[in-house]
Amino acid sequence: MSAMNRPRAWARTGMLFAATMMVVNGLFQLFEGIAGVAKDDIYVGTPDYVVKLNTTTWGWIHIILGVAVALTGLALFSGADWARGIAMFLVAIQAISNFFFIPYYPLWALVIIALDIFVIWALATAPATRDEFRE
């Protein structure tokens, strides 16, 4: 591999990793949401936090985002051009929602935020079109 193709290879691999992580993170968010809806007292929050939502509400937020992120991640595997912009938007929303979820599960929320940042970088640096992605 020439030095000129090395960044493209990293971006291409990053795009595949981003799509995979979106599916996995979406499923994690879905299961996290189901846990919040099914058993309302599974999450323990802090009493003086800015965002005061009950855990059932957080559960529904995670379910909706999880399904949307996972489905968009699957669309990225097909190389759909529309999926990249929507994916970046959904992952950014997922990172923001996990920022507000930090009081409930701090370490897990921070891990998801870090993965979301990498996914956004990978999507932003990947080849622009389906044809370039297959080169």
Protein backbone atom coordinates (compact mmCIF):
# COMPACT_ATOMS: atom_id res chain seq x y z
CA MET A 1 0.00 0.00 0.00
CA SER A 2 1.41 3.34 -0.96
CA ALA A 3 1.70 6.18 1.51
CA MET A 4 -1.00 8.06 -0.40
CA ASN A 5 -3.58 5.26 0.02
CA ARG A 6 -2.84 4.72 3.72
CA PRO A 7 -5.17 7.49 5.01
CA ARG A 8 -7.92 6.26 2.69
CA ALA A 9 -7.51 2.73 4.04
CA TRP A 10 -7.73 4.03 7.59
CA ALA A 11 -10.85 6.00 6.71
CA ARG A 12 -12.43 3.02 4.94
CA THR A 13 -11.69 0.75 7.89
CA GLY A 14 -12.93 3.44 10.25
CA MET A 15 -16.20 3.61 8.30
CA LEU A 16 -16.73 -0.13 8.67
CA PHE A 17 -15.85 0.11 12.36
CA ALA A 18 -18.24 3.05 12.74
CA ALA A 19 -21.08 1.10 11.14
CA THR A 20 -20.37 -1.89 13.36
CA MET A 21 -20.18 0.28 16.48
CA MET A 22 -23.43 1.98 15.57
CA VAL A 23 -25.21 -1.37 15.40
CA VAL A 24 -23.63 -2.57 18.65
CA ASN A 25 -24.18 0.75 20.49
CA GLY A 26 -27.74 0.91 19.19
CA LEU A 27 -28.44 -2.54 20.60
CA PHE A 28 -26.80 -1.60 23.91
CA GLN A 29 -28.97 1.50 24.09
CA LEU A 30 -32.04 -0.57 23.23
CA PHE A 31 -31.35 -3.04 26.06
CA GLU A 32 -30.53 -0.20 28.45
CA GLY A 33 -33.85 1.40 27.55
CA ILE A 34 -35.78 -1.83 28.02
CA ALA A 35 -34.20 -2.19 31.48
CA GLY A 36 -35.29 1.34 32.34
CA VAL A 37 -38.86 0.82 31.16
CA ALA A 38 -39.31 -2.70 32.56
CA LYS A 39 -37.98 -2.00 36.04
CA ASP A 40 -38.37 1.65 36.93
CA ASP A 41 -36.03 1.52 39.95
CA ILE A 42 -33.00 0.00 38.19
CA TYR A 43 -31.34 3.40 37.77
CA VAL A 44 -30.42 5.56 40.72
CA GLY A 45 -30.15 9.26 39.99
CA THR A 46 -28.83 12.21 41.90
CA PRO A 47 -31.46 14.44 43.51
CA ASP A 48 -29.91 17.78 42.49
CA TYR A 49 -29.23 17.18 38.81
CA VAL A 50 -30.22 19.69 36.17
CA VAL A 51 -32.20 17.25 33.99
CA LYS A 52 -34.91 15.67 36.11
CA LEU A 53 -36.46 12.88 34.08
CA ASN A 54 -37.72 9.67 35.58
CA THR A 55 -36.07 6.45 34.52
CA THR A 56 -39.02 5.36 32.40
CA THR A 57 -38.57 8.48 30.28
CA TRP A 58 -34.84 7.76 29.99
CA GLY A 59 -35.73 4.20 29.02
CA TRP A 60 -37.90 5.38 26.13
CA ILE A 61 -35.24 7.85 25.00
CA HIS A 62 -32.67 5.04 24.90
CA ILE A 63 -35.05 2.67 23.09
CA ILE A 64 -35.89 5.17 20.36
CA LEU A 65 -32.28 6.28 19.88
CA GLY A 66 -31.01 2.71 20.03
CA VAL A 67 -33.31 1.49 17.28
CA ALA A 68 -32.60 4.52 15.09
CA VAL A 69 -28.82 4.27 15.54
CA ALA A 70 -28.74 0.50 14.90
CA LEU A 71 -30.86 0.76 11.74
CA THR A 72 -28.75 3.63 10.41
CA GLY A 73 -25.60 1.62 11.15
CA LEU A 74 -27.01 -1.23 9.06
CA ALA A 75 -27.71 1.23 6.24
CA LEU A 76 -24.05 2.34 6.35
CA PHE A 77 -22.97 -1.20 5.48
CA SER A 78 -24.84 -0.90 2.19
CA GLY A 79 -22.94 2.28 1.39
CA ALA A 80 -26.07 4.43 1.29
CA ASP A 81 -25.03 8.06 0.83
CA TRP A 82 -27.95 9.40 2.90
CA ALA A 83 -26.97 7.24 5.88
CA ARG A 84 -23.75 9.12 6.67
CA GLY A 85 -25.37 12.47 7.47
CA ILE A 86 -28.19 10.90 9.43
CA ALA A 87 -25.68 8.68 11.25
CA MET A 88 -23.58 11.64 12.31
CA PHE A 89 -26.68 13.47 13.54
CA LEU A 90 -28.03 10.47 15.47
CA VAL A 91 -24.67 9.65 17.04
CA ALA A 92 -24.28 13.28 18.14
CA ILE A 93 -27.76 13.15 19.71
CA GLN A 94 -26.82 9.85 21.36
CA ALA A 95 -23.65 11.42 22.81
CA ILE A 96 -25.61 14.39 24.15
CA SER A 97 -28.27 12.14 25.71
CA ASN A 98 -25.55 10.06 27.36
CA PHE A 99 -23.97 13.24 28.71
CA PHE A 100 -27.24 13.94 30.51
CA PHE A 101 -27.36 10.28 31.58
CA ILE A 102 -23.98 10.48 33.40
CA PRO A 103 -25.51 10.69 36.93
CA TYR A 104 -27.27 7.35 36.41
CA TYR A 105 -24.33 5.30 35.06
CA PRO A 106 -21.23 7.51 34.83
CA LEU A 107 -18.61 5.10 33.47
CA TRP A 108 -20.92 3.52 30.92
CA ALA A 109 -22.16 6.90 29.70
CA LEU A 110 -18.58 8.17 29.28
CA VAL A 111 -17.57 5.04 27.33
CA ILE A 112 -20.53 5.49 24.96
CA ILE A 113 -19.68 9.19 24.51
CA ALA A 114 -16.06 8.31 23.64
CA LEU A 115 -17.18 5.70 21.11
CA ASP A 116 -19.67 8.17 19.62
CA ILE A 117 -16.89 10.72 19.12
CA PHE A 118 -14.80 8.14 17.28
CA VAL A 119 -17.78 7.13 15.14
CA ILE A 120 -18.36 10.77 14.15
CA TRP A 121 -14.67 11.15 13.23
CA ALA A 122 -14.72 7.94 11.18
CA LEU A 123 -17.86 8.99 9.32
CA ALA A 124 -16.45 12.46 8.65
CA THR A 125 -13.15 11.18 7.23
CA ALA A 126 -14.42 8.21 5.22
CA PRO A 127 -14.58 8.34 1.41
CA ALA A 128 -17.33 10.62 0.12
CA THR A 129 -19.15 8.32 -2.28
CA ARG A 130 -20.12 4.70 -2.58
CA ASP A 131 -17.67 4.25 -5.50
CA GLU A 132 -14.74 5.62 -3.52
CA PHE A 133 -15.68 3.36 -0.62
CA ARG A 134 -15.34 0.28 -2.85
CA GLU A 135 -11.97 1.26 -4.39
